[in-house]
N, C-alpha and C. Protein backbone atom coordinates (compact mmCIF):
# COMPACT_ATOMS: atom_id res chain seq x y z
N MET A 1 0.84 -1.17 0.00
CA MET A 1 0.00 0.00 0.00
C MET A 1 0.89 1.24 0.00
N LYS A 2 0.54 2.21 -0.81
CA LYS A 2 1.27 3.47 -0.86
C LYS A 2 0.74 4.40 0.22
N ILE A 3 1.66 4.94 1.01
CA ILE A 3 1.31 5.85 2.11
C ILE A 3 2.27 7.03 2.06
N LYS A 4 1.72 8.23 2.24
CA LYS A 4 2.59 9.40 2.30
C LYS A 4 3.40 9.37 3.58
N LEU A 5 4.64 9.79 3.47
CA LEU A 5 5.52 9.82 4.63
C LEU A 5 4.93 10.69 5.74
N LEU A 6 4.26 11.78 5.39
CA LEU A 6 3.63 12.63 6.38
C LEU A 6 2.60 11.85 7.19
N ASP A 7 1.81 10.99 6.54
CA ASP A 7 0.81 10.20 7.25
C ASP A 7 1.47 9.21 8.21
N ILE A 8 2.59 8.65 7.80
CA ILE A 8 3.32 7.73 8.67
C ILE A 8 3.81 8.48 9.92
N LEU A 9 4.40 9.65 9.70
CA LEU A 9 4.91 10.43 10.84
C LEU A 9 3.78 10.88 11.76
N ASN A 10 2.63 11.20 11.18
CA ASN A 10 1.48 11.62 12.00
C ASN A 10 0.90 10.48 12.82
N SER A 11 1.17 9.25 12.42
CA SER A 11 0.64 8.10 13.15
C SER A 11 1.60 7.57 14.20
N LYS A 12 2.79 8.08 14.24
CA LYS A 12 3.84 7.55 15.11
C LYS A 12 3.42 7.51 16.59
N GLU A 13 2.90 8.60 17.13
CA GLU A 13 2.55 8.65 18.55
C GLU A 13 1.42 7.67 18.88
N VAL A 14 0.43 7.57 17.99
CA VAL A 14 -0.68 6.63 18.23
C VAL A 14 -0.15 5.20 18.21
N LEU A 15 0.75 4.90 17.29
CA LEU A 15 1.30 3.54 17.23
C LEU A 15 2.14 3.23 18.46
N ILE A 16 2.83 4.22 18.99
CA ILE A 16 3.58 4.00 20.24
C ILE A 16 2.61 3.65 21.35
N LYS A 17 1.49 4.39 21.43
CA LYS A 17 0.48 4.11 22.45
C LYS A 17 -0.09 2.71 22.25
N LEU A 18 -0.42 2.36 21.01
CA LEU A 18 -0.98 1.04 20.75
C LEU A 18 0.04 -0.06 21.04
N GLY A 19 1.30 0.22 20.80
CA GLY A 19 2.34 -0.75 21.08
C GLY A 19 2.47 -1.07 22.56
N ASP A 20 2.04 -0.14 23.41
CA ASP A 20 2.07 -0.35 24.86
C ASP A 20 0.74 -0.87 25.41
N THR A 21 -0.20 -1.15 24.53
CA THR A 21 -1.53 -1.58 24.94
C THR A 21 -1.66 -3.09 24.84
N SER A 22 -2.33 -3.69 25.81
CA SER A 22 -2.62 -5.13 25.75
C SER A 22 -3.98 -5.31 25.10
N PHE A 23 -4.06 -6.24 24.18
CA PHE A 23 -5.31 -6.52 23.49
C PHE A 23 -5.77 -7.93 23.85
N SER A 24 -7.07 -8.14 23.74
CA SER A 24 -7.63 -9.44 24.13
C SER A 24 -7.24 -10.55 23.17
N ASP A 25 -6.90 -10.20 21.96
CA ASP A 25 -6.49 -11.22 21.00
C ASP A 25 -5.05 -10.97 20.53
N GLY A 26 -4.35 -12.02 20.33
CA GLY A 26 -2.95 -11.93 19.92
C GLY A 26 -2.78 -11.42 18.50
N LEU A 27 -3.77 -11.63 17.65
CA LEU A 27 -3.65 -11.21 16.26
C LEU A 27 -3.57 -9.69 16.14
N THR A 28 -4.37 -8.98 16.91
CA THR A 28 -4.32 -7.51 16.86
C THR A 28 -2.95 -7.01 17.33
N SER A 29 -2.46 -7.57 18.40
CA SER A 29 -1.13 -7.20 18.90
C SER A 29 -0.06 -7.47 17.85
N TYR A 30 -0.16 -8.62 17.20
CA TYR A 30 0.79 -8.98 16.15
C TYR A 30 0.74 -7.98 15.00
N LYS A 31 -0.46 -7.64 14.55
CA LYS A 31 -0.60 -6.72 13.42
C LYS A 31 -0.05 -5.34 13.75
N ILE A 32 -0.30 -4.88 14.96
CA ILE A 32 0.23 -3.56 15.36
C ILE A 32 1.76 -3.61 15.40
N ALA A 33 2.31 -4.64 16.02
CA ALA A 33 3.77 -4.78 16.08
C ALA A 33 4.37 -4.87 14.68
N ARG A 34 3.72 -5.59 13.81
CA ARG A 34 4.21 -5.74 12.44
C ARG A 34 4.20 -4.40 11.72
N ASN A 35 3.12 -3.62 11.88
CA ASN A 35 3.05 -2.31 11.23
C ASN A 35 4.11 -1.36 11.77
N ILE A 36 4.33 -1.40 13.08
CA ILE A 36 5.37 -0.56 13.67
C ILE A 36 6.73 -0.93 13.08
N LYS A 37 6.99 -2.22 12.99
CA LYS A 37 8.26 -2.69 12.45
C LYS A 37 8.43 -2.27 10.98
N LYS A 38 7.34 -2.25 10.24
CA LYS A 38 7.41 -1.87 8.82
C LYS A 38 7.65 -0.38 8.62
N ILE A 39 7.09 0.46 9.50
CA ILE A 39 7.24 1.91 9.28
C ILE A 39 8.50 2.49 9.93
N ASN A 40 9.06 1.81 10.92
CA ASN A 40 10.24 2.35 11.60
C ASN A 40 11.39 2.70 10.66
N PRO A 41 11.74 1.87 9.67
CA PRO A 41 12.83 2.27 8.77
C PRO A 41 12.52 3.55 7.99
N GLU A 42 11.26 3.76 7.64
CA GLU A 42 10.89 4.98 6.92
C GLU A 42 11.05 6.20 7.83
N ILE A 43 10.67 6.07 9.09
CA ILE A 43 10.82 7.17 10.04
C ILE A 43 12.30 7.47 10.26
N GLU A 44 13.11 6.43 10.41
CA GLU A 44 14.55 6.62 10.61
C GLU A 44 15.19 7.29 9.40
N THR A 45 14.80 6.89 8.19
CA THR A 45 15.35 7.49 6.98
C THR A 45 14.96 8.96 6.90
N PHE A 46 13.72 9.27 7.27
CA PHE A 46 13.28 10.67 7.27
C PHE A 46 14.10 11.48 8.27
N GLU A 47 14.31 10.94 9.45
CA GLU A 47 15.06 11.67 10.49
C GLU A 47 16.49 11.98 10.02
N VAL A 48 17.11 11.05 9.29
CA VAL A 48 18.45 11.29 8.75
C VAL A 48 18.41 12.41 7.71
N ALA A 49 17.42 12.35 6.81
CA ALA A 49 17.28 13.38 5.78
C ALA A 49 17.02 14.75 6.41
N LYS A 50 16.18 14.78 7.43
CA LYS A 50 15.88 16.04 8.12
C LYS A 50 17.13 16.59 8.81
N LYS A 51 17.88 15.70 9.45
CA LYS A 51 19.12 16.12 10.11
C LYS A 51 20.11 16.70 9.09
N ASN A 52 20.21 16.06 7.93
CA ASN A 52 21.11 16.56 6.89
C ASN A 52 20.68 17.94 6.39
N LEU A 53 19.37 18.15 6.25
CA LEU A 53 18.89 19.47 5.83
C LEU A 53 19.16 20.52 6.90
N ILE A 54 19.00 20.15 8.15
CA ILE A 54 19.29 21.09 9.23
C ILE A 54 20.77 21.46 9.23
N GLN A 55 21.63 20.47 8.99
CA GLN A 55 23.06 20.75 8.91
C GLN A 55 23.39 21.62 7.70
N LYS A 56 22.67 21.41 6.60
CA LYS A 56 22.91 22.18 5.38
C LYS A 56 22.47 23.64 5.56
N TYR A 57 21.30 23.86 6.14
CA TYR A 57 20.74 25.20 6.22
C TYR A 57 20.91 25.87 7.58
N GLY A 58 21.23 25.08 8.61
CA GLY A 58 21.35 25.64 9.95
C GLY A 58 22.66 26.36 10.16
N LYS A 59 22.67 27.15 11.20
CA LYS A 59 23.87 27.89 11.59
C LYS A 59 24.29 27.36 12.96
N LYS A 60 25.47 26.77 13.03
CA LYS A 60 25.95 26.14 14.26
C LYS A 60 26.09 27.16 15.38
N GLU A 61 25.38 26.89 16.49
CA GLU A 61 25.46 27.74 17.69
C GLU A 61 25.54 26.81 18.89
N GLY A 62 26.73 26.47 19.29
CA GLY A 62 26.91 25.53 20.40
C GLY A 62 26.46 24.14 19.98
N ASP A 63 25.52 23.57 20.72
CA ASP A 63 25.01 22.23 20.40
C ASP A 63 23.80 22.25 19.48
N THR A 64 23.35 23.44 19.11
CA THR A 64 22.16 23.53 18.26
C THR A 64 22.51 24.11 16.90
N GLU A 65 21.60 23.94 15.97
CA GLU A 65 21.76 24.49 14.63
C GLU A 65 20.46 25.16 14.19
N PRO A 66 20.16 26.34 14.76
CA PRO A 66 18.93 27.02 14.35
C PRO A 66 19.00 27.45 12.89
N LEU A 67 17.84 27.51 12.27
CA LEU A 67 17.78 27.92 10.88
C LEU A 67 17.72 29.44 10.79
N PRO A 68 18.66 30.04 10.03
CA PRO A 68 18.57 31.49 9.83
C PRO A 68 17.31 31.83 9.04
N GLN A 69 16.79 33.00 9.26
CA GLN A 69 15.55 33.44 8.62
C GLN A 69 15.60 33.29 7.10
N ASN A 70 16.74 33.57 6.50
CA ASN A 70 16.84 33.50 5.03
C ASN A 70 16.89 32.06 4.50
N SER A 71 16.99 31.07 5.37
CA SER A 71 17.04 29.67 4.93
C SER A 71 15.75 28.90 5.20
N ILE A 72 14.84 29.49 5.96
CA ILE A 72 13.64 28.76 6.38
C ILE A 72 12.78 28.34 5.20
N ASP A 73 12.58 29.23 4.24
CA ASP A 73 11.72 28.89 3.10
C ASP A 73 12.28 27.72 2.29
N GLU A 74 13.57 27.74 2.03
CA GLU A 74 14.19 26.65 1.26
C GLU A 74 14.15 25.34 2.05
N PHE A 75 14.43 25.42 3.36
CA PHE A 75 14.35 24.23 4.21
C PHE A 75 12.93 23.66 4.18
N ASN A 76 11.93 24.52 4.40
CA ASN A 76 10.54 24.06 4.41
C ASN A 76 10.13 23.45 3.08
N MET A 77 10.57 24.04 1.97
CA MET A 77 10.24 23.51 0.66
C MET A 77 10.81 22.09 0.50
N GLN A 78 12.04 21.90 0.92
CA GLN A 78 12.67 20.59 0.76
C GLN A 78 12.09 19.57 1.73
N ILE A 79 11.80 19.97 2.95
CA ILE A 79 11.23 19.02 3.92
C ILE A 79 9.82 18.63 3.49
N ASN A 80 9.04 19.58 2.97
CA ASN A 80 7.69 19.27 2.50
C ASN A 80 7.72 18.35 1.28
N GLU A 81 8.72 18.50 0.45
CA GLU A 81 8.89 17.61 -0.69
C GLU A 81 9.14 16.17 -0.22
N ILE A 82 9.94 16.03 0.81
CA ILE A 82 10.21 14.70 1.38
C ILE A 82 8.94 14.13 2.01
N LEU A 83 8.23 14.95 2.78
CA LEU A 83 7.01 14.49 3.47
C LEU A 83 5.92 14.07 2.50
N ALA A 84 5.93 14.61 1.29
CA ALA A 84 4.90 14.28 0.29
C ALA A 84 5.21 12.96 -0.42
N GLN A 85 6.39 12.41 -0.20
CA GLN A 85 6.76 11.16 -0.87
C GLN A 85 5.87 10.01 -0.40
N GLU A 86 5.51 9.16 -1.34
CA GLU A 86 4.75 7.97 -0.99
C GLU A 86 5.71 6.79 -0.88
N VAL A 87 5.51 6.02 0.16
CA VAL A 87 6.32 4.83 0.36
C VAL A 87 5.39 3.62 0.31
N ASP A 88 5.94 2.51 -0.12
CA ASP A 88 5.15 1.29 -0.25
C ASP A 88 5.36 0.44 0.99
N ILE A 89 4.29 0.25 1.75
CA ILE A 89 4.34 -0.51 2.99
C ILE A 89 3.36 -1.67 2.89
N ASP A 90 3.81 -2.85 3.28
CA ASP A 90 2.94 -4.02 3.33
C ASP A 90 2.19 -3.97 4.66
N VAL A 91 1.01 -3.34 4.64
CA VAL A 91 0.24 -3.06 5.85
C VAL A 91 -0.58 -4.27 6.28
N SER A 92 -0.59 -4.50 7.58
CA SER A 92 -1.51 -5.48 8.17
C SER A 92 -2.72 -4.70 8.68
N PHE A 93 -3.84 -4.85 8.00
CA PHE A 93 -5.03 -4.07 8.34
C PHE A 93 -5.67 -4.59 9.63
N ILE A 94 -6.22 -3.64 10.39
CA ILE A 94 -6.80 -3.93 11.70
C ILE A 94 -8.23 -3.41 11.74
N SER A 95 -9.10 -4.18 12.33
CA SER A 95 -10.49 -3.76 12.50
C SER A 95 -10.56 -2.66 13.56
N PRO A 96 -11.22 -1.53 13.26
CA PRO A 96 -11.33 -0.46 14.25
C PRO A 96 -12.00 -0.92 15.55
N GLU A 97 -12.86 -1.92 15.48
CA GLU A 97 -13.54 -2.42 16.67
C GLU A 97 -12.55 -3.02 17.67
N LYS A 98 -11.41 -3.45 17.21
CA LYS A 98 -10.39 -4.04 18.08
C LYS A 98 -9.61 -2.99 18.87
N LEU A 99 -9.79 -1.72 18.50
CA LEU A 99 -8.99 -0.64 19.07
C LEU A 99 -9.79 0.22 20.02
N SER A 100 -10.38 -0.39 21.02
CA SER A 100 -11.15 0.39 22.00
C SER A 100 -10.19 1.21 22.85
N GLY A 101 -10.67 2.35 23.30
CA GLY A 101 -9.86 3.17 24.19
C GLY A 101 -9.03 4.22 23.49
N ILE A 102 -9.13 4.34 22.18
CA ILE A 102 -8.42 5.44 21.53
C ILE A 102 -9.45 6.39 20.93
N SER A 103 -9.07 7.64 20.86
CA SER A 103 -10.00 8.69 20.46
C SER A 103 -10.22 8.70 18.94
N PRO A 104 -11.27 9.38 18.50
CA PRO A 104 -11.50 9.52 17.05
C PRO A 104 -10.31 10.18 16.34
N PHE A 105 -9.68 11.15 16.99
CA PHE A 105 -8.52 11.80 16.37
C PHE A 105 -7.36 10.82 16.22
N GLN A 106 -7.20 9.95 17.20
CA GLN A 106 -6.15 8.94 17.11
C GLN A 106 -6.47 7.94 16.00
N LEU A 107 -7.74 7.58 15.88
CA LEU A 107 -8.13 6.68 14.78
C LEU A 107 -7.85 7.32 13.43
N MET A 108 -8.10 8.63 13.33
CA MET A 108 -7.83 9.32 12.07
C MET A 108 -6.34 9.26 11.71
N ALA A 109 -5.48 9.31 12.72
CA ALA A 109 -4.04 9.29 12.47
C ALA A 109 -3.57 7.95 11.91
N ILE A 110 -4.31 6.88 12.22
CA ILE A 110 -3.90 5.56 11.75
C ILE A 110 -4.90 4.97 10.75
N ASP A 111 -5.69 5.82 10.12
CA ASP A 111 -6.73 5.31 9.21
C ASP A 111 -6.15 4.51 8.05
N TRP A 112 -4.88 4.72 7.73
CA TRP A 112 -4.25 3.97 6.64
C TRP A 112 -4.08 2.48 6.98
N MET A 113 -4.19 2.12 8.25
CA MET A 113 -4.03 0.71 8.61
C MET A 113 -5.32 0.08 9.13
N LEU A 114 -6.44 0.79 8.99
CA LEU A 114 -7.73 0.28 9.44
C LEU A 114 -8.47 -0.42 8.30
N GLU A 115 -9.10 -1.53 8.64
CA GLU A 115 -9.91 -2.21 7.64
C GLU A 115 -11.07 -1.31 7.26
N ALA A 116 -11.36 -1.28 5.98
CA ALA A 116 -12.48 -0.46 5.50
C ALA A 116 -13.79 -1.07 5.94
N GLU A 117 -14.75 -0.20 6.28
CA GLU A 117 -16.07 -0.69 6.65
C GLU A 117 -16.74 -1.28 5.42
N GLN A 118 -17.42 -2.39 5.63
CA GLN A 118 -18.14 -3.00 4.53
C GLN A 118 -19.60 -2.64 4.66
N VAL A 119 -20.13 -2.04 3.60
CA VAL A 119 -21.51 -1.58 3.61
C VAL A 119 -22.41 -2.60 2.97
């Protein structure tokens, strides 16, 4: 399944929460763990690319590299280009009914891994 990198990053916190949750069935736990394992390399690759852009456009000040005002637009353009990339992930779909205890906003963050409702 093709997923935008931005959607993966937006789901990270919800997946961390789900990874710490016990479910009544082992299959749901397995699918969540599998999805986390599948997206982690994409998140790590993004973090490296982001770090490289910060080093390219940032101005070294001690342990930090803030972006000078004249570099922010170029940095944002390049980071947004990366975030718009679609990556191919072999998703294990999960029934929303199995995910009790998470909010509608959290469900929206992981909608790419939810089984579609059958009408």
